[in-house]
Amino acid sequence: MSMNLPKPIADYVEANARLNIDGMMKPFLADAVFIDNGKRYQGLAEIRKLLEEEAIAVEAIFTPDTVREEDGDVVLEGPVYGDFPGSPIRFTYRVTLANDAIKTLQTTV
């Protein structure tokens, strides 16, 4: 990817491109929050389960094509391709970083 992303976000996107769940989990803080279309998952165990069921199981890969900073967050937009109805679907990811890690990741369609 040619975008200049903060390292935790770049690491997450690159691991997702390889469908590497361990790599996807590595950038998150232990008490991170993942909000998936309004549903909240907190902590590494809940986030891992979500990603295993909603990303890895359907081979969903996020390919951001835009990035901007908004109110201190990093906002990425782009299609998610995978083995699911309607693929690809355009997503927005809003990421809050803390201590060089992902504190919050919010996805919306």
C-alpha atoms as a PDB file:
ATOM      1  CA  MET A   1       0.000   0.000   0.000  1.00  0.00           C
ATOM      2  CA  SER A   2       1.359   3.410  -0.922  1.00  0.00           C
ATOM      3  CA  MET A   3      -0.556   5.418   1.708  1.00  0.00           C
ATOM      4  CA  ASN A   4       1.410   6.871   4.569  1.00  0.00           C
ATOM      5  CA  LEU A   5      -0.426   5.288   7.502  1.00  0.00           C
ATOM      6  CA  PRO A   6       0.571   5.264  11.155  1.00  0.00           C
ATOM      7  CA  LYS A   7       2.404   1.995  11.877  1.00  0.00           C
ATOM      8  CA  PRO A   8      -0.342   0.287  13.944  1.00  0.00           C
ATOM      9  CA  ILE A   9      -2.902   0.928  11.204  1.00  0.00           C
ATOM     10  CA  ALA A  10      -0.519  -0.093   8.415  1.00  0.00           C
ATOM     11  CA  ASP A  11       0.288  -3.293  10.334  1.00  0.00           C
ATOM     12  CA  TYR A  12      -3.416  -4.096  10.758  1.00  0.00           C
ATOM     13  CA  VAL A  13      -4.228  -3.469   7.073  1.00  0.00           C
ATOM     14  CA  GLU A  14      -1.223  -5.501   5.896  1.00  0.00           C
ATOM     15  CA  ALA A  15      -2.089  -8.425   8.204  1.00  0.00           C
ATOM     16  CA  ASN A  16      -5.708  -8.283   7.014  1.00  0.00           C
ATOM     17  CA  ALA A  17      -4.511  -8.475   3.399  1.00  0.00           C
ATOM     18  CA  ARG A  18      -2.849 -11.787   4.335  1.00  0.00           C
ATOM     19  CA  LEU A  19      -5.854 -12.894   6.466  1.00  0.00           C
ATOM     20  CA  ASN A  20      -3.408 -13.243   9.357  1.00  0.00           C
ATOM     21  CA  ILE A  21      -5.500 -13.046  12.539  1.00  0.00           C
ATOM     22  CA  ASP A  22      -2.485 -12.879  14.871  1.00  0.00           C
ATOM     23  CA  GLY A  23      -1.048 -10.003  12.880  1.00  0.00           C
ATOM     24  CA  MET A  24      -4.417  -8.244  12.855  1.00  0.00           C
ATOM     25  CA  MET A  25      -4.617  -8.492  16.642  1.00  0.00           C
ATOM     26  CA  LYS A  26      -1.071  -7.322  17.388  1.00  0.00           C
ATOM     27  CA  PRO A  27      -1.679  -3.529  16.925  1.00  0.00           C
ATOM     28  CA  PHE A  28      -4.563  -3.417  19.462  1.00  0.00           C
ATOM     29  CA  LEU A  29      -4.237  -2.302  23.084  1.00  0.00           C
ATOM     30  CA  ALA A  30      -5.320  -4.936  25.615  1.00  0.00           C
ATOM     31  CA  ASP A  31      -8.457  -2.917  26.457  1.00  0.00           C
ATOM     32  CA  ALA A  32      -9.169  -1.773  22.887  1.00  0.00           C
ATOM     33  CA  VAL A  33     -12.692  -1.310  21.587  1.00  0.00           C
ATOM     34  CA  PHE A  34     -13.933  -2.383  18.152  1.00  0.00           C
ATOM     35  CA  ILE A  35     -17.294  -0.942  17.099  1.00  0.00           C
ATOM     36  CA  ASP A  36     -18.696  -2.819  14.119  1.00  0.00           C
ATOM     37  CA  ASN A  37     -21.712  -1.003  12.642  1.00  0.00           C
ATOM     38  CA  GLY A  38     -22.791   0.135  16.104  1.00  0.00           C
ATOM     39  CA  LYS A  39     -22.102  -3.109  17.994  1.00  0.00           C
ATOM     40  CA  ARG A  40     -19.348  -2.795  20.610  1.00  0.00           C
ATOM     41  CA  TYR A  41     -16.637  -5.378  21.302  1.00  0.00           C
ATOM     42  CA  GLN A  42     -14.136  -4.694  24.080  1.00  0.00           C
ATOM     43  CA  GLY A  43     -10.880  -6.414  24.857  1.00  0.00           C
ATOM     44  CA  LEU A  44      -8.701  -8.685  22.792  1.00  0.00           C
ATOM     45  CA  ALA A  45     -10.796 -11.847  23.230  1.00  0.00           C
ATOM     46  CA  GLU A  46     -14.004 -10.206  21.957  1.00  0.00           C
ATOM     47  CA  ILE A  47     -12.218  -8.446  19.101  1.00  0.00           C
ATOM     48  CA  ARG A  48     -10.456 -11.649  18.046  1.00  0.00           C
ATOM     49  CA  LYS A  49     -13.739 -13.574  18.009  1.00  0.00           C
ATOM     50  CA  LEU A  50     -15.378 -10.836  15.913  1.00  0.00           C
ATOM     51  CA  LEU A  51     -12.537 -10.793  13.403  1.00  0.00           C
ATOM     52  CA  GLU A  52     -12.425 -14.588  13.164  1.00  0.00           C
ATOM     53  CA  GLU A  53     -16.180 -14.766  12.496  1.00  0.00           C
ATOM     54  CA  GLU A  54     -16.702 -11.636  10.401  1.00  0.00           C
ATOM     55  CA  ALA A  55     -13.418 -11.200   8.520  1.00  0.00           C
ATOM     56  CA  ILE A  56     -11.354 -14.381   8.426  1.00  0.00           C
ATOM     57  CA  ALA A  57     -14.319 -16.744   7.887  1.00  0.00           C
ATOM     58  CA  VAL A  58     -15.445 -14.852   4.768  1.00  0.00           C
ATOM     59  CA  GLU A  59     -11.950 -13.804   3.653  1.00  0.00           C
ATOM     60  CA  ALA A  60     -12.880 -10.118   3.993  1.00  0.00           C
ATOM     61  CA  ILE A  61      -9.995  -7.872   3.002  1.00  0.00           C
ATOM     62  CA  PHE A  62     -10.134  -4.091   3.475  1.00  0.00           C
ATOM     63  CA  THR A  63      -8.314  -2.124   0.770  1.00  0.00           C
ATOM     64  CA  PRO A  64      -8.326   1.527   1.802  1.00  0.00           C
ATOM     65  CA  ASP A  65      -8.090   4.052  -0.985  1.00  0.00           C
ATOM     66  CA  THR A  66      -8.431   7.272   1.015  1.00  0.00           C
ATOM     67  CA  VAL A  67      -7.087   8.408   4.372  1.00  0.00           C
ATOM     68  CA  ARG A  68      -7.531  11.611   6.334  1.00  0.00           C
ATOM     69  CA  GLU A  69      -7.226  12.914   9.871  1.00  0.00           C
ATOM     70  CA  GLU A  70     -10.457  14.022  11.512  1.00  0.00           C
ATOM     71  CA  ASP A  71     -10.830  15.215  15.120  1.00  0.00           C
ATOM     72  CA  GLY A  72      -7.608  13.439  16.114  1.00  0.00           C
ATOM     73  CA  ASP A  73      -8.653  10.127  14.540  1.00  0.00           C
ATOM     74  CA  VAL A  74      -7.395   8.502  11.356  1.00  0.00           C
ATOM     75  CA  VAL A  75     -10.256   7.855   8.930  1.00  0.00           C
ATOM     76  CA  LEU A  76      -9.815   5.366   6.092  1.00  0.00           C
ATOM     77  CA  GLU A  77     -12.288   4.538   3.363  1.00  0.00           C
ATOM     78  CA  GLY A  78     -12.275   1.791   0.804  1.00  0.00           C
ATOM     79  CA  PRO A  79     -13.826  -1.423  -0.404  1.00  0.00           C
ATOM     80  CA  VAL A  80     -13.915  -4.688   1.505  1.00  0.00           C
ATOM     81  CA  TYR A  81     -13.688  -7.701  -0.786  1.00  0.00           C
ATOM     82  CA  GLY A  82     -14.569 -11.201   0.326  1.00  0.00           C
ATOM     83  CA  ASP A  83     -16.785 -14.240   0.080  1.00  0.00           C
ATOM     84  CA  PHE A  84     -20.006 -12.554   1.198  1.00  0.00           C
ATOM     85  CA  PRO A  85     -23.150 -11.202  -0.512  1.00  0.00           C
ATOM     86  CA  GLY A  86     -22.675  -7.791  -2.097  1.00  0.00           C
ATOM     87  CA  SER A  87     -18.873  -7.966  -2.181  1.00  0.00           C
ATOM     88  CA  PRO A  88     -17.220  -5.557  -2.454  1.00  0.00           C
ATOM     89  CA  ILE A  89     -18.826  -3.213   0.054  1.00  0.00           C
ATOM     90  CA  ARG A  90     -17.387   0.217   0.771  1.00  0.00           C
ATOM     91  CA  PHE A  91     -16.423   0.716   4.424  1.00  0.00           C
ATOM     92  CA  THR A  92     -15.216   3.582   6.571  1.00  0.00           C
ATOM     93  CA  TYR A  93     -12.758   2.782   9.368  1.00  0.00           C
ATOM     94  CA  ARG A  94     -12.258   5.391  12.110  1.00  0.00           C
ATOM     95  CA  VAL A  95      -9.206   4.640  14.238  1.00  0.00           C
ATOM     96  CA  THR A  96      -8.168   6.218  17.522  1.00  0.00           C
ATOM     97  CA  LEU A  97      -4.554   5.596  18.477  1.00  0.00           C
ATOM     98  CA  ALA A  98      -2.918   5.676  21.913  1.00  0.00           C
ATOM     99  CA  ASN A  99       0.611   4.661  22.931  1.00  0.00           C
ATOM    100  CA  ASP A 100       1.415   3.677  19.322  1.00  0.00           C
ATOM    101  CA  ALA A 101      -1.430   1.152  19.265  1.00  0.00           C
ATOM    102  CA  ILE A 102      -5.084   0.956  18.232  1.00  0.00           C
ATOM    103  CA  LYS A 103      -7.329   2.099  21.069  1.00  0.00           C
ATOM    104  CA  THR A 104     -10.592   2.179  19.105  1.00  0.00           C
ATOM    105  CA  LEU A 105     -11.526   0.963  15.636  1.00  0.00           C
ATOM    106  CA  GLN A 106     -14.991   1.815  14.388  1.00  0.00           C
ATOM    107  CA  THR A 107     -16.334   0.448  11.101  1.00  0.00           C
ATOM    108  CA  THR A 108     -19.385   1.653   9.220  1.00  0.00           C
ATOM    109  CA  VAL A 109     -20.830   0.837   5.833  1.00  0.00           C
END
